Amino acid sequence: MKRRARTAVWIAVAGLAMGSPGASRAAAGDADGDGIPDAIDKCTLDSRNASADCDTDGDGYGNVCDGDFDQNFAVNSNDYARYFVPSLKSGVPASTGTDMNCDGSVTQTDYSAFFAPKFKGNKKLGGAVPGPSGLPCAGTPGCM
């Protein structure tokens, strides 16, 4: 699904889920408060996916919350050394999702704002795992 179409779906679903004036985020199922209902949110613990919703590796977790480039459900030194460092050195995103802010290149911002908090296990941003997704196919290749 194209980004523009996906955004329109999110807006439509968010509008339906939070349509009543007194509706709360909890009632709408929006754990991170980004306006995207958990049922279609690719990163329910990191609200920054509202502005960067890509999922390069197609595993059901958006790039902004998925520093697990080798798909072993942990963000560790292997993800850093084998995947992130080569992309950071070249600036060229890998098919594993190293362009974490989805701007077309791998820079220091991808590292400091997105990868490092996952690598360090920041529990507020999802800890040392890709982050839960409301999609039923989350964690499987091709999940969109």
C-alpha atoms as a PDB file:
ATOM      1  CA  MET A   1       0.000   0.000   0.000  1.00  0.00           C
ATOM      2  CA  LYS A   2       1.399   3.418  -0.916  1.00  0.00           C
ATOM      3  CA  ARG A   3       2.298   5.821   1.920  1.00  0.00           C
ATOM      4  CA  ARG A   4      -0.412   8.347   0.996  1.00  0.00           C
ATOM      5  CA  ALA A   5      -3.105   5.639   0.880  1.00  0.00           C
ATOM      6  CA  ARG A   6      -1.896   4.146   4.173  1.00  0.00           C
ATOM      7  CA  THR A   7      -2.037   7.586   5.810  1.00  0.00           C
ATOM      8  CA  ALA A   8      -5.593   8.078   4.558  1.00  0.00           C
ATOM      9  CA  VAL A   9      -6.581   4.710   6.033  1.00  0.00           C
ATOM     10  CA  TRP A  10      -4.986   5.624   9.362  1.00  0.00           C
ATOM     11  CA  ILE A  11      -6.806   8.935   9.440  1.00  0.00           C
ATOM     12  CA  ALA A  12     -10.105   7.265   8.584  1.00  0.00           C
ATOM     13  CA  VAL A  13      -9.672   4.503  11.167  1.00  0.00           C
ATOM     14  CA  ALA A  14      -8.390   6.923  13.809  1.00  0.00           C
ATOM     15  CA  GLY A  15     -11.378   9.173  13.139  1.00  0.00           C
ATOM     16  CA  LEU A  16     -13.789   6.263  13.577  1.00  0.00           C
ATOM     17  CA  ALA A  17     -12.009   4.920  16.653  1.00  0.00           C
ATOM     18  CA  MET A  18     -11.794   8.285  18.378  1.00  0.00           C
ATOM     19  CA  GLY A  19     -14.899   9.853  16.863  1.00  0.00           C
ATOM     20  CA  SER A  20     -16.952  10.472  20.006  1.00  0.00           C
ATOM     21  CA  PRO A  21     -16.053  13.666  21.883  1.00  0.00           C
ATOM     22  CA  GLY A  22     -15.271  11.867  25.137  1.00  0.00           C
ATOM     23  CA  ALA A  23     -13.303   9.010  23.569  1.00  0.00           C
ATOM     24  CA  SER A  24      -9.997   8.356  25.295  1.00  0.00           C
ATOM     25  CA  ARG A  25      -6.806   7.006  23.801  1.00  0.00           C
ATOM     26  CA  ALA A  26      -7.175   3.891  25.922  1.00  0.00           C
ATOM     27  CA  ALA A  27     -10.718   3.320  24.639  1.00  0.00           C
ATOM     28  CA  ALA A  28      -9.488   3.727  21.077  1.00  0.00           C
ATOM     29  CA  GLY A  29      -6.536   1.374  21.635  1.00  0.00           C
ATOM     30  CA  ASP A  30      -3.747   3.878  21.011  1.00  0.00           C
ATOM     31  CA  ALA A  31      -1.028   2.893  23.502  1.00  0.00           C
ATOM     32  CA  ASP A  32       1.570   5.415  22.325  1.00  0.00           C
ATOM     33  CA  GLY A  33      -0.846   8.299  21.744  1.00  0.00           C
ATOM     34  CA  ASP A  34       0.213   8.973  18.144  1.00  0.00           C
ATOM     35  CA  GLY A  35      -3.308   8.992  16.708  1.00  0.00           C
ATOM     36  CA  ILE A  36      -2.842   5.630  14.973  1.00  0.00           C
ATOM     37  CA  PRO A  37      -5.006   2.879  16.509  1.00  0.00           C
ATOM     38  CA  ASP A  38      -2.997  -0.093  17.781  1.00  0.00           C
ATOM     39  CA  ALA A  39      -4.825  -2.374  15.333  1.00  0.00           C
ATOM     40  CA  ILE A  40      -2.916  -0.814  12.411  1.00  0.00           C
ATOM     41  CA  ASP A  41       0.066   0.744  14.248  1.00  0.00           C
ATOM     42  CA  LYS A  42       3.431  -0.776  13.306  1.00  0.00           C
ATOM     43  CA  CYS A  43       5.042   0.503  16.520  1.00  0.00           C
ATOM     44  CA  THR A  44       2.717   0.783  19.477  1.00  0.00           C
ATOM     45  CA  LEU A  45       5.430   1.950  21.907  1.00  0.00           C
ATOM     46  CA  ASP A  46       7.017   4.720  19.834  1.00  0.00           C
ATOM     47  CA  SER A  47       4.810   7.563  18.603  1.00  0.00           C
ATOM     48  CA  ARG A  48       7.374   8.814  16.062  1.00  0.00           C
ATOM     49  CA  ASN A  49       5.977   6.420  13.461  1.00  0.00           C
ATOM     50  CA  ALA A  50       3.247   8.974  12.767  1.00  0.00           C
ATOM     51  CA  SER A  51       5.747  10.893  10.646  1.00  0.00           C
ATOM     52  CA  ALA A  52       7.821   7.942   9.397  1.00  0.00           C
ATOM     53  CA  ASP A  53       5.716   4.854   8.796  1.00  0.00           C
ATOM     54  CA  CYS A  54       7.955   2.743   6.546  1.00  0.00           C
ATOM     55  CA  ASP A  55       8.702  -0.912   7.228  1.00  0.00           C
ATOM     56  CA  THR A  56      11.618  -1.648   4.889  1.00  0.00           C
ATOM     57  CA  ASP A  57      12.124  -5.272   5.902  1.00  0.00           C
ATOM     58  CA  GLY A  58       8.386  -6.026   5.832  1.00  0.00           C
ATOM     59  CA  ASP A  59       8.339  -7.672   9.254  1.00  0.00           C
ATOM     60  CA  GLY A  60       5.367  -5.777  10.650  1.00  0.00           C
ATOM     61  CA  TYR A  61       7.436  -3.362  12.755  1.00  0.00           C
ATOM     62  CA  GLY A  62       8.033   0.151  11.415  1.00  0.00           C
ATOM     63  CA  ASN A  63      11.663   1.210  10.951  1.00  0.00           C
ATOM     64  CA  VAL A  64      11.505   3.810  13.734  1.00  0.00           C
ATOM     65  CA  CYS A  65      10.954   1.114  16.336  1.00  0.00           C
ATOM     66  CA  ASP A  66      12.824  -1.798  14.740  1.00  0.00           C
ATOM     67  CA  GLY A  67      16.565  -1.901  15.376  1.00  0.00           C
ATOM     68  CA  ASP A  68      16.464  -5.704  15.160  1.00  0.00           C
ATOM     69  CA  PHE A  69      17.983  -6.012  11.693  1.00  0.00           C
ATOM     70  CA  ASP A  70      18.732  -9.758  11.916  1.00  0.00           C
ATOM     71  CA  GLN A  71      15.180 -10.666  13.032  1.00  0.00           C
ATOM     72  CA  ASN A  72      16.162 -12.490  16.239  1.00  0.00           C
ATOM     73  CA  PHE A  73      13.812 -10.394  18.425  1.00  0.00           C
ATOM     74  CA  ALA A  74      16.658  -8.567  20.231  1.00  0.00           C
ATOM     75  CA  VAL A  75      18.603  -5.413  19.422  1.00  0.00           C
ATOM     76  CA  ASN A  76      22.210  -6.329  20.099  1.00  0.00           C
ATOM     77  CA  SER A  77      25.831  -5.970  18.969  1.00  0.00           C
ATOM     78  CA  ASN A  78      25.195  -8.148  15.895  1.00  0.00           C
ATOM     79  CA  ASP A  79      22.581  -5.675  14.637  1.00  0.00           C
ATOM     80  CA  TYR A  80      25.015  -2.843  15.246  1.00  0.00           C
ATOM     81  CA  ALA A  81      28.221  -4.361  13.796  1.00  0.00           C
ATOM     82  CA  ARG A  82      26.892  -6.413  10.859  1.00  0.00           C
ATOM     83  CA  TYR A  83      24.063  -4.169   9.684  1.00  0.00           C
ATOM     84  CA  PHE A  84      23.986  -0.642  11.086  1.00  0.00           C
ATOM     85  CA  VAL A  85      27.702   0.296  10.954  1.00  0.00           C
ATOM     86  CA  PRO A  86      28.176  -0.608   7.265  1.00  0.00           C
ATOM     87  CA  SER A  87      25.062   1.407   6.350  1.00  0.00           C
ATOM     88  CA  LEU A  88      26.161   4.340   8.491  1.00  0.00           C
ATOM     89  CA  LYS A  89      29.622   4.351   6.890  1.00  0.00           C
ATOM     90  CA  SER A  90      28.214   4.308   3.348  1.00  0.00           C
ATOM     91  CA  GLY A  91      25.054   6.288   4.040  1.00  0.00           C
ATOM     92  CA  VAL A  92      23.160   3.745   1.952  1.00  0.00           C
ATOM     93  CA  PRO A  93      20.158   2.052   3.586  1.00  0.00           C
ATOM     94  CA  ALA A  94      20.118  -1.745   3.728  1.00  0.00           C
ATOM     95  CA  SER A  95      17.047  -3.867   2.990  1.00  0.00           C
ATOM     96  CA  THR A  96      16.980  -4.655   6.713  1.00  0.00           C
ATOM     97  CA  GLY A  97      15.652  -1.183   7.634  1.00  0.00           C
ATOM     98  CA  THR A  98      18.798   0.679   8.711  1.00  0.00           C
ATOM     99  CA  ASP A  99      17.272   3.945   7.461  1.00  0.00           C
ATOM    100  CA  MET A 100      15.311   4.205  10.660  1.00  0.00           C
ATOM    101  CA  ASN A 101      13.745   7.620  10.073  1.00  0.00           C
ATOM    102  CA  CYS A 102      12.819   6.733   6.478  1.00  0.00           C
ATOM    103  CA  ASP A 103      14.448   9.743   4.827  1.00  0.00           C
ATOM    104  CA  GLY A 104      16.406   7.802   2.198  1.00  0.00           C
ATOM    105  CA  SER A 105      19.849   7.740   3.840  1.00  0.00           C
ATOM    106  CA  VAL A 106      21.541   6.412   6.962  1.00  0.00           C
ATOM    107  CA  THR A 107      22.983   9.192   9.104  1.00  0.00           C
ATOM    108  CA  GLN A 108      23.967  10.044  12.665  1.00  0.00           C
ATOM    109  CA  THR A 109      20.311  10.895  13.313  1.00  0.00           C
ATOM    110  CA  ASP A 110      19.295   7.307  12.581  1.00  0.00           C
ATOM    111  CA  TYR A 111      21.839   6.197  15.153  1.00  0.00           C
ATOM    112  CA  SER A 112      21.315   8.699  17.959  1.00  0.00           C
ATOM    113  CA  ALA A 113      17.562   9.191  17.759  1.00  0.00           C
ATOM    114  CA  PHE A 114      16.421   5.718  16.753  1.00  0.00           C
ATOM    115  CA  PHE A 115      18.975   2.884  16.969  1.00  0.00           C
ATOM    116  CA  ALA A 116      20.853   3.827  20.174  1.00  0.00           C
ATOM    117  CA  PRO A 117      17.745   3.978  22.392  1.00  0.00           C
ATOM    118  CA  LYS A 118      16.758   0.476  21.222  1.00  0.00           C
ATOM    119  CA  PHE A 119      20.298  -0.866  21.585  1.00  0.00           C
ATOM    120  CA  LYS A 120      20.545   0.530  25.111  1.00  0.00           C
ATOM    121  CA  GLY A 121      17.190  -1.000  26.015  1.00  0.00           C
ATOM    122  CA  ASN A 122      15.227   2.175  26.736  1.00  0.00           C
ATOM    123  CA  LYS A 123      12.024   0.660  28.140  1.00  0.00           C
ATOM    124  CA  LYS A 124       9.969   3.778  27.360  1.00  0.00           C
ATOM    125  CA  LEU A 125      10.779   3.344  23.660  1.00  0.00           C
ATOM    126  CA  GLY A 126      10.272  -0.407  23.551  1.00  0.00           C
ATOM    127  CA  GLY A 127      13.393  -1.867  25.190  1.00  0.00           C
ATOM    128  CA  ALA A 128      15.670  -4.342  23.452  1.00  0.00           C
ATOM    129  CA  VAL A 129      13.010  -5.787  21.149  1.00  0.00           C
ATOM    130  CA  PRO A 130      11.507  -4.463  17.900  1.00  0.00           C
ATOM    131  CA  GLY A 131       8.328  -3.341  19.651  1.00  0.00           C
ATOM    132  CA  PRO A 132       4.878  -4.869  19.603  1.00  0.00           C
ATOM    133  CA  SER A 133       2.605  -4.336  16.650  1.00  0.00           C
ATOM    134  CA  GLY A 134      -1.132  -4.514  16.531  1.00  0.00           C
ATOM    135  CA  LEU A 135      -0.977  -6.314  13.185  1.00  0.00           C
ATOM    136  CA  PRO A 136      -1.887 -10.015  13.421  1.00  0.00           C
ATOM    137  CA  CYS A 137       0.992 -10.876  11.084  1.00  0.00           C
ATOM    138  CA  ALA A 138       3.651  -8.952  13.075  1.00  0.00           C
ATOM    139  CA  GLY A 139       7.033 -10.594  13.113  1.00  0.00           C
ATOM    140  CA  THR A 140       6.540 -12.431   9.841  1.00  0.00           C
ATOM    141  CA  PRO A 141       8.162 -11.427   6.542  1.00  0.00           C
ATOM    142  CA  GLY A 142       5.828  -9.580   4.224  1.00  0.00           C
ATOM    143  CA  CYS A 143       3.583  -8.272   6.994  1.00  0.00           C
ATOM    144  CA  MET A 144       2.106  -4.972   5.847  1.00  0.00           C
END
